[in-house]
Amino acid sequence: MREKLKTKFIEVYGSSDQPIHMYFSPGRVNLIGEHTDYNGGFVFPCAISYGTYLAVRLTNSETVKFTSTNFDFTAEISLEKISEKVGNEWINYPLGVINEMKKIGIPIKKGVELLFDGNIPNGAGLSSSASIETVTAYFINNIFGNNRLSREELAKLCQNAENNFVGVNCGIMDQFAVSMGKTNHAIFLNCDTLGYELVPLNLSGLKLIISNTNKQRKLADSKYNERRSECEQAVKALSHVKKIRNLGVLKLAQFQEMEGSISDKIIKKRALHVVSEDQRCIDAVDALKEADMNTFGRLMNESHDSLKENYEVTGLELDTLVEEARKIKGVLGSRMTGAGFGGCTVSLVKEEIVEEFINVVGAAYKNKTGLNADFYIADVGNGVRKLS
């Protein structure tokens, strides 16, 4: 992959005596704990083997050049204008990071040629945007910042870039997972305090299969904002009984004692999902520590069912992939992952039935939806890094 990218880089930018630096930032899949991050709850993601490669070469010019193998749009921007947004183009993700780095005194001090190459499907809910942001931040910190910032600081900076520059009101999970990931570990993250634990993920005899619906997620952004608002309404109603800052501070038993203060049935269902999902996240960590993969799979199933019934963010395509997966003997659990309304599912599958899973689920999905699903067998890998 590196040699291929280096060849492409020279094809785009030409040869030079300057070295080409290579970086990689993974995507992430959230194993359990969905729509809990912006409610101050727990999430349980891991970094995956798919991600964004970045080739970098310093120049004597006063411009930064942006090219991607995934998008047609290219740009050359002067260092003076590097803080300006460019329409709705993909380069706003690295530009936002460059802007945040400049604010804290780590500017790009000379010309740079950048070539991005990603193998995460765009818009699938596997954090392609966070991957682009984080690989950009890592290279700037490495070349211009003398590695001053920690991985945790890089994650926060990239979240700020997406919130403030790109204008997407995302939580911290995506950037944190792709920054802090570790091979064969998942990250148990408290999104309220940013306290975290790396939990061993022993998949011996099992595979994580990511299934992409290939449905455009047109509803995801508007419904995401709607769900955030509904959760805020739940907090307001519950605070008449006990003052709380977010749903993540409540245990399930506490919520059950207080839920009568929420008169709206829809708002109550939204809150129930968040609080019960938090508990499932805690239980999933315990299951992994006990190497109890059957319980882990059951919790994945319960998570999807709550996202379908209580949070209502799944839809025909995601539900079909999950339903067909669960019919196959040797599938321990299957659930949607990401914002919903399209995107991907993640399934825990016995290694010997992987081919059967892909063939049977793919055919049934095509038959029911008319769409072709894509399947990715994901290894659990390290976070952002420089490639030697």
Protein backbone atom coordinates (compact mmCIF):
# COMPACT_ATOMS: atom_id res chain seq x y z
CA MET A 1 0.00 0.00 0.00
CA ARG A 2 2.80 2.41 0.93
CA GLU A 3 4.76 1.81 -2.27
CA LYS A 4 1.61 2.19 -4.32
CA LEU A 5 0.83 5.50 -2.62
CA LYS A 6 4.41 6.71 -3.06
CA THR A 7 4.21 5.92 -6.79
CA LYS A 8 0.92 7.80 -7.03
CA PHE A 9 2.41 10.73 -5.10
CA ILE A 10 5.29 11.08 -7.58
CA GLU A 11 2.81 10.75 -10.44
CA VAL A 12 0.80 13.68 -9.00
CA TYR A 13 3.56 15.95 -7.70
CA GLY A 14 6.71 14.82 -9.53
CA SER A 15 10.11 13.77 -8.20
CA SER A 16 12.17 15.71 -5.65
CA ASP A 17 15.18 15.31 -3.37
CA GLN A 18 12.88 15.84 -0.36
CA PRO A 19 11.72 12.68 1.46
CA ILE A 20 8.09 11.55 1.38
CA HIS A 21 6.70 10.99 4.88
CA MET A 22 3.93 8.40 5.28
CA TYR A 23 1.19 8.29 7.93
CA PHE A 24 -1.88 6.16 8.63
CA SER A 25 -5.01 6.78 10.68
CA PRO A 26 -7.64 4.04 11.08
CA GLY A 27 -11.38 4.17 10.88
CA ARG A 28 -13.40 2.90 13.81
CA VAL A 29 -16.37 0.70 14.48
CA ASN A 30 -18.44 1.12 17.61
CA LEU A 31 -19.10 -2.33 19.07
CA ILE A 32 -21.81 -1.14 21.45
CA GLY A 33 -22.95 2.11 23.06
CA GLU A 34 -24.78 3.99 20.29
CA HIS A 35 -26.14 7.54 20.61
CA THR A 36 -24.76 7.69 24.13
CA ASP A 37 -21.70 9.84 23.41
CA TYR A 38 -23.49 13.21 23.21
CA ASN A 39 -25.48 12.21 26.29
CA GLY A 40 -22.34 11.93 28.44
CA GLY A 41 -22.53 8.14 28.49
CA PHE A 42 -20.27 5.22 27.66
CA VAL A 43 -19.13 3.99 24.25
CA PHE A 44 -17.07 0.97 23.29
CA PRO A 45 -15.34 1.45 19.91
CA CYS A 46 -12.23 -0.07 18.40
CA ALA A 47 -9.88 1.09 15.66
CA ILE A 48 -10.05 -1.05 12.51
CA SER A 49 -7.59 -2.03 9.82
CA TYR A 50 -9.26 0.19 7.20
CA GLY A 51 -8.35 3.87 7.28
CA THR A 52 -6.66 6.87 5.67
CA TYR A 53 -3.09 6.93 4.38
CA LEU A 54 -1.33 10.27 3.97
CA ALA A 55 1.83 10.98 1.99
CA VAL A 56 3.54 14.30 2.84
CA ARG A 57 6.45 16.19 1.29
CA LEU A 58 7.80 19.57 2.32
CA THR A 59 8.49 22.17 -0.38
CA ASN A 60 10.06 25.62 -0.62
CA SER A 61 6.77 27.19 -1.73
CA GLU A 62 4.30 29.17 0.38
CA THR A 63 1.33 26.91 -0.40
CA VAL A 64 -0.30 23.70 0.78
CA LYS A 65 -1.43 21.34 -1.99
CA PHE A 66 -4.32 18.93 -1.37
CA THR A 67 -5.04 15.84 -3.47
CA SER A 68 -7.03 12.70 -2.69
CA THR A 69 -7.38 9.42 -4.56
CA ASN A 70 -11.00 9.32 -3.30
CA PHE A 71 -12.24 12.71 -4.51
CA ASP A 72 -11.82 14.67 -7.75
CA PHE A 73 -11.49 18.05 -6.04
CA THR A 74 -7.90 19.32 -5.61
CA ALA A 75 -6.60 22.60 -4.21
CA GLU A 76 -3.50 24.70 -3.72
CA ILE A 77 -3.91 27.23 -0.92
CA SER A 78 -1.47 29.87 0.26
CA LEU A 79 -0.32 29.72 3.88
CA GLU A 80 -1.95 33.14 4.38
CA LYS A 81 -5.43 31.85 3.41
CA ILE A 82 -5.22 28.45 5.04
CA SER A 83 -7.87 29.38 7.64
CA GLU A 84 -10.65 29.93 5.09
CA LYS A 85 -13.37 27.35 4.39
CA VAL A 86 -13.74 26.04 0.82
CA GLY A 87 -17.42 25.43 0.00
CA ASN A 88 -18.55 21.97 1.10
CA GLU A 89 -15.41 20.22 -0.11
CA TRP A 90 -13.60 17.35 1.62
CA ILE A 91 -10.54 19.51 2.27
CA ASN A 92 -12.45 21.38 5.00
CA TYR A 93 -11.65 18.47 7.33
CA PRO A 94 -7.85 18.88 7.07
CA LEU A 95 -8.24 22.68 6.79
CA GLY A 96 -10.14 22.73 10.09
CA VAL A 97 -7.32 20.81 11.74
CA ILE A 98 -4.68 23.12 10.26
CA ASN A 99 -6.66 26.07 11.61
CA GLU A 100 -6.92 24.57 15.12
CA MET A 101 -3.20 23.76 15.11
CA LYS A 102 -2.41 27.34 14.13
CA LYS A 103 -4.53 28.62 17.06
CA ILE A 104 -2.39 26.73 19.58
CA GLY A 105 0.91 27.79 18.06
CA ILE A 106 1.73 24.86 15.77
CA PRO A 107 1.29 26.37 12.32
CA ILE A 108 2.43 24.87 9.04
CA LYS A 109 5.58 26.93 8.54
CA LYS A 110 6.43 26.08 4.96
CA GLY A 111 4.95 24.62 1.80
CA VAL A 112 3.58 21.06 1.85
CA GLU A 113 2.28 18.59 -0.71
CA LEU A 114 -0.39 16.23 0.63
CA LEU A 115 -1.88 13.09 -0.92
CA PHE A 116 -4.68 11.37 0.99
CA ASP A 117 -5.76 7.82 0.18
CA GLY A 118 -8.58 6.14 2.11
CA ASN A 119 -10.09 2.68 1.99
CA ILE A 120 -12.97 3.44 4.38
CA PRO A 121 -16.27 3.72 2.48
CA ASN A 122 -17.41 7.36 2.66
CA GLY A 123 -20.67 8.03 4.48
CA ALA A 124 -20.82 4.51 5.94
CA GLY A 125 -20.51 5.58 9.57
CA LEU A 126 -16.97 4.25 10.04
CA SER A 127 -15.42 7.64 10.75
CA SER A 128 -13.73 8.48 7.47
CA SER A 129 -13.89 12.17 8.45
CA ALA A 130 -12.28 11.61 11.87
CA SER A 131 -9.62 9.49 10.17
CA ILE A 132 -8.74 12.30 7.74
CA GLU A 133 -8.68 14.85 10.57
CA THR A 134 -6.51 12.76 12.84
CA VAL A 135 -3.93 11.80 10.24
CA THR A 136 -3.60 15.50 9.38
CA ALA A 137 -3.18 16.50 13.03
CA TYR A 138 -0.64 13.75 13.61
CA PHE A 139 1.55 14.80 10.69
CA ILE A 140 1.52 18.48 11.71
CA ASN A 141 2.31 17.57 15.31
CA ASN A 142 5.12 15.31 14.10
CA ILE A 143 6.76 17.61 11.55
CA PHE A 144 6.01 21.10 12.90
CA GLY A 145 5.14 20.49 16.56
CA ASN A 146 8.01 18.24 17.66
CA ASN A 147 5.34 15.76 18.87
CA ARG A 148 4.24 18.22 21.53
CA LEU A 149 0.62 17.08 21.69
CA SER A 150 -0.50 13.81 23.23
CA ARG A 151 -2.90 11.49 21.40
CA GLU A 152 -5.71 12.60 23.69
CA GLU A 153 -4.97 16.25 22.89
CA LEU A 154 -4.98 15.44 19.17
CA ALA A 155 -8.42 13.81 19.53
CA LYS A 156 -9.87 16.87 21.27
CA LEU A 157 -8.32 19.21 18.70
CA CYS A 158 -9.82 17.21 15.82
CA GLN A 159 -13.26 17.26 17.46
CA ASN A 160 -12.95 21.06 17.78
CA ALA A 161 -12.04 21.26 14.09
CA GLU A 162 -15.14 19.32 13.07
CA ASN A 163 -17.42 21.26 15.45
CA ASN A 164 -16.10 24.76 14.82
CA PHE A 165 -14.76 24.72 11.24
CA VAL A 166 -16.68 22.01 9.39
CA GLY A 167 -19.83 22.70 11.41
CA VAL A 168 -20.72 19.14 12.42
CA ASN A 169 -21.76 18.88 16.07
CA CYS A 170 -20.11 15.48 16.67
CA GLY A 171 -19.10 13.96 19.99
CA ILE A 172 -15.54 12.91 20.91
CA MET A 173 -15.86 9.15 20.26
CA ASP A 174 -14.67 8.97 16.65
CA GLN A 175 -11.55 11.09 17.06
CA PHE A 176 -10.71 9.42 20.36
CA ALA A 177 -11.00 5.90 18.93
CA VAL A 178 -8.82 6.56 15.89
CA SER A 179 -6.22 8.35 18.02
CA MET A 180 -6.08 5.95 20.97
CA GLY A 181 -6.80 2.56 19.35
CA LYS A 182 -4.66 -0.47 20.17
CA THR A 183 -4.34 -3.80 18.37
CA ASN A 184 -6.77 -6.41 19.73
CA HIS A 185 -8.28 -3.96 22.23
CA ALA A 186 -11.49 -1.96 22.40
CA ILE A 187 -11.78 1.40 24.19
CA PHE A 188 -14.25 1.73 27.04
CA LEU A 189 -14.73 5.51 27.06
CA ASN A 190 -16.71 7.72 29.41
CA CYS A 191 -17.71 10.57 27.09
CA ASP A 192 -18.49 12.85 30.04
CA THR A 193 -15.10 12.64 31.78
CA LEU A 194 -12.95 11.17 28.95
CA GLY A 195 -11.81 8.52 31.39
CA TYR A 196 -11.05 5.37 29.42
CA GLU A 197 -9.84 1.79 29.67
CA LEU A 198 -8.28 -0.38 26.98
CA VAL A 199 -10.08 -3.74 27.19
CA PRO A 200 -8.57 -6.85 25.54
CA LEU A 201 -10.70 -8.02 22.61
CA ASN A 202 -9.93 -11.70 22.09
CA LEU A 203 -11.56 -12.71 18.82
CA SER A 204 -9.99 -16.15 18.64
CA GLY A 205 -12.16 -18.19 16.25
CA LEU A 206 -14.36 -15.15 15.55
CA LYS A 207 -14.42 -12.31 13.03
CA LEU A 208 -15.93 -8.85 13.04
CA ILE A 209 -17.80 -8.37 9.78
CA ILE A 210 -18.89 -4.87 8.81
CA SER A 211 -21.81 -4.87 6.36
CA ASN A 212 -22.44 -1.66 4.43
CA THR A 213 -26.08 -1.05 3.41
CA ASN A 214 -24.92 1.26 0.60
CA LYS A 215 -27.95 3.37 1.34
CA GLN A 216 -27.40 7.11 1.29
CA ARG A 217 -27.93 8.44 4.80
CA LYS A 218 -30.11 11.40 3.86
CA LEU A 219 -32.00 11.41 7.17
CA ALA A 220 -29.01 10.94 9.44
CA ASP A 221 -28.09 14.60 10.03
CA SER A 222 -31.60 15.96 10.57
CA LYS A 223 -32.69 13.04 12.77
CA TYR A 224 -29.42 13.23 14.71
CA ASN A 225 -30.20 16.82 15.69
CA GLU A 226 -33.79 15.82 16.47
CA ARG A 227 -32.65 13.02 18.80
CA ARG A 228 -30.23 15.35 20.59
CA SER A 229 -33.09 17.76 21.18
CA GLU A 230 -35.35 14.96 22.46
CA CYS A 231 -32.66 13.85 24.91
CA GLU A 232 -32.30 17.43 26.16
CA GLN A 233 -36.07 17.51 26.71
CA ALA A 234 -35.78 14.30 28.74
CA VAL A 235 -33.04 15.83 30.91
CA LYS A 236 -35.22 18.89 31.51
CA ALA A 237 -38.22 16.75 32.57
CA LEU A 238 -36.15 14.44 34.80
CA SER A 239 -34.48 17.44 36.46
CA HIS A 240 -37.84 18.27 38.10
CA VAL A 241 -37.20 15.17 40.24
CA LYS A 242 -33.40 15.31 40.48
CA LYS A 243 -31.11 17.89 38.86
CA ILE A 244 -28.99 16.12 36.23
CA ARG A 245 -26.65 17.53 33.57
CA ASN A 246 -27.16 14.69 31.07
CA LEU A 247 -28.70 11.24 30.73
CA GLY A 248 -25.32 9.57 31.11
CA VAL A 249 -25.22 10.25 34.86
CA LEU A 250 -28.23 7.98 35.50
CA LYS A 251 -28.18 4.28 36.30
CA LEU A 252 -31.03 2.23 34.83
CA ALA A 253 -32.66 1.70 38.23
CA GLN A 254 -32.53 5.45 38.96
CA PHE A 255 -34.16 6.22 35.62
CA GLN A 256 -36.94 3.72 36.26
CA GLU A 257 -37.73 5.46 39.54
CA MET A 258 -37.83 8.90 37.86
CA GLU A 259 -39.32 8.17 34.42
CA GLY A 260 -42.83 9.15 35.54
CA SER A 261 -41.71 12.78 35.30
CA ILE A 262 -41.54 12.43 31.50
CA SER A 263 -45.09 12.75 30.18
CA ASP A 264 -44.27 12.44 26.47
CA LYS A 265 -44.06 8.74 25.49
CA ILE A 266 -41.60 9.40 22.64
CA ILE A 267 -39.23 11.38 24.88
CA LYS A 268 -39.43 8.61 27.48
CA LYS A 269 -38.48 5.98 24.88
CA ARG A 270 -35.49 8.04 23.75
CA ALA A 271 -34.23 8.37 27.32
CA LEU A 272 -34.81 4.67 27.99
CA HIS A 273 -32.59 3.75 25.07
CA VAL A 274 -29.73 5.96 26.24
CA VAL A 275 -29.79 4.81 29.86
CA SER A 276 -30.25 1.11 29.03
CA GLU A 277 -27.56 1.32 26.33
CA ASP A 278 -25.16 2.71 28.89
CA GLN A 279 -25.82 -0.35 31.05
CA ARG A 280 -25.33 -2.66 28.07
CA CYS A 281 -21.98 -1.01 27.45
CA ILE A 282 -20.88 -1.72 31.04
CA ASP A 283 -22.15 -5.30 30.80
CA ALA A 284 -20.36 -5.80 27.47
CA VAL A 285 -17.03 -4.80 29.02
CA ASP A 286 -17.60 -7.29 31.84
CA ALA A 287 -18.46 -10.00 29.31
CA LEU A 288 -15.24 -9.40 27.37
CA LYS A 289 -13.17 -9.54 30.53
CA GLU A 290 -14.76 -12.93 31.24
CA ALA A 291 -14.19 -14.00 27.61
CA ASP A 292 -17.95 -14.58 27.42
CA MET A 293 -18.53 -13.86 23.74
CA ASN A 294 -22.05 -15.30 23.74
CA THR A 295 -23.16 -12.70 26.27
CA PHE A 296 -21.34 -10.02 24.30
CA GLY A 297 -23.26 -11.06 21.18
CA ARG A 298 -26.59 -11.05 23.01
CA LEU A 299 -25.90 -7.49 24.21
CA MET A 300 -25.16 -6.45 20.62
CA ASN A 301 -28.57 -7.83 19.61
CA GLU A 302 -30.32 -6.04 22.47
CA SER A 303 -28.57 -2.80 21.49
CA HIS A 304 -29.91 -2.98 17.93
CA ASP A 305 -33.41 -3.84 19.14
CA SER A 306 -33.44 -0.76 21.37
CA LEU A 307 -32.10 1.44 18.56
CA LYS A 308 -34.95 0.13 16.41
CA GLU A 309 -37.82 0.27 18.92
CA ASN A 310 -36.88 3.04 21.36
CA TYR A 311 -34.56 5.36 19.44
CA GLU A 312 -36.00 4.68 15.97
CA VAL A 313 -32.84 5.27 13.95
CA THR A 314 -32.52 2.00 12.01
CA GLY A 315 -34.76 1.59 8.95
CA LEU A 316 -35.46 -1.18 6.46
CA GLU A 317 -31.90 -1.64 5.19
CA LEU A 318 -30.15 -1.90 8.56
CA ASP A 319 -32.93 -4.04 10.02
CA THR A 320 -32.79 -6.41 7.04
CA LEU A 321 -29.03 -6.92 7.35
CA VAL A 322 -29.39 -7.60 11.08
CA GLU A 323 -32.38 -9.93 10.70
CA GLU A 324 -30.71 -11.98 7.97
CA ALA A 325 -27.45 -12.17 9.93
CA ARG A 326 -29.20 -13.49 13.02
CA LYS A 327 -30.79 -16.33 11.04
CA ILE A 328 -27.37 -17.89 10.44
CA LYS A 329 -26.04 -20.37 12.97
CA GLY A 330 -22.65 -19.17 14.17
CA VAL A 331 -23.57 -15.46 14.31
CA LEU A 332 -23.26 -14.44 17.95
CA GLY A 333 -24.63 -10.93 17.54
CA SER A 334 -25.42 -8.24 14.98
CA ARG A 335 -26.33 -4.58 15.29
CA MET A 336 -26.28 -1.26 13.46
CA THR A 337 -23.27 0.92 14.16
CA GLY A 338 -23.02 4.68 13.72
CA ALA A 339 -25.73 7.31 13.42
CA GLY A 340 -28.24 5.06 11.64
CA PHE A 341 -30.67 5.49 8.71
CA GLY A 342 -28.17 3.67 6.52
CA GLY A 343 -24.48 3.10 7.02
CA CYS A 344 -23.28 -0.18 8.45
CA THR A 345 -23.95 -3.09 10.74
CA VAL A 346 -21.31 -4.95 12.74
CA SER A 347 -21.64 -8.68 13.34
CA LEU A 348 -19.70 -11.11 15.51
CA VAL A 349 -19.32 -14.24 13.39
CA LYS A 350 -17.61 -17.61 13.82
CA GLU A 351 -14.60 -17.77 11.52
CA GLU A 352 -15.67 -20.93 9.70
CA ILE A 353 -18.93 -19.42 8.42
CA VAL A 354 -17.62 -16.08 7.14
CA GLU A 355 -18.04 -17.02 3.47
CA GLU A 356 -21.54 -18.39 4.11
CA PHE A 357 -22.44 -15.21 6.01
CA ILE A 358 -21.38 -12.93 3.16
CA ASN A 359 -23.11 -15.01 0.47
CA VAL A 360 -26.38 -15.69 2.31
CA VAL A 361 -26.84 -12.26 3.90
CA GLY A 362 -25.82 -10.50 0.68
CA ALA A 363 -28.33 -12.44 -1.42
CA ALA A 364 -31.20 -11.99 1.06
CA TYR A 365 -30.47 -8.27 1.39
CA LYS A 366 -30.44 -7.79 -2.38
CA ASN A 367 -33.72 -9.69 -2.66
CA LYS A 368 -35.47 -7.57 0.00
CA THR A 369 -34.06 -4.11 -0.71
CA GLY A 370 -32.77 -4.16 -4.29
CA LEU A 371 -29.39 -2.93 -3.01
CA ASN A 372 -26.00 -4.65 -3.01
CA ALA A 373 -24.31 -4.77 0.39
CA ASP A 374 -20.52 -4.58 0.75
CA PHE A 375 -18.77 -6.66 3.41
CA TYR A 376 -15.52 -5.89 5.23
CA ILE A 377 -13.71 -8.34 7.51
CA ALA A 378 -12.12 -5.97 10.01
CA ASP A 379 -9.06 -6.56 12.12
CA VAL A 380 -8.74 -4.51 15.31
CA GLY A 381 -5.67 -2.32 14.95
CA ASN A 382 -3.58 0.50 16.37
CA GLY A 383 -4.45 4.18 16.31
CA VAL A 384 -2.90 6.94 14.17
CA ARG A 385 0.82 6.57 13.51
CA LYS A 386 3.78 7.33 11.27
CA LEU A 387 4.71 4.47 8.95
CA SER A 388 8.38 3.53 9.04
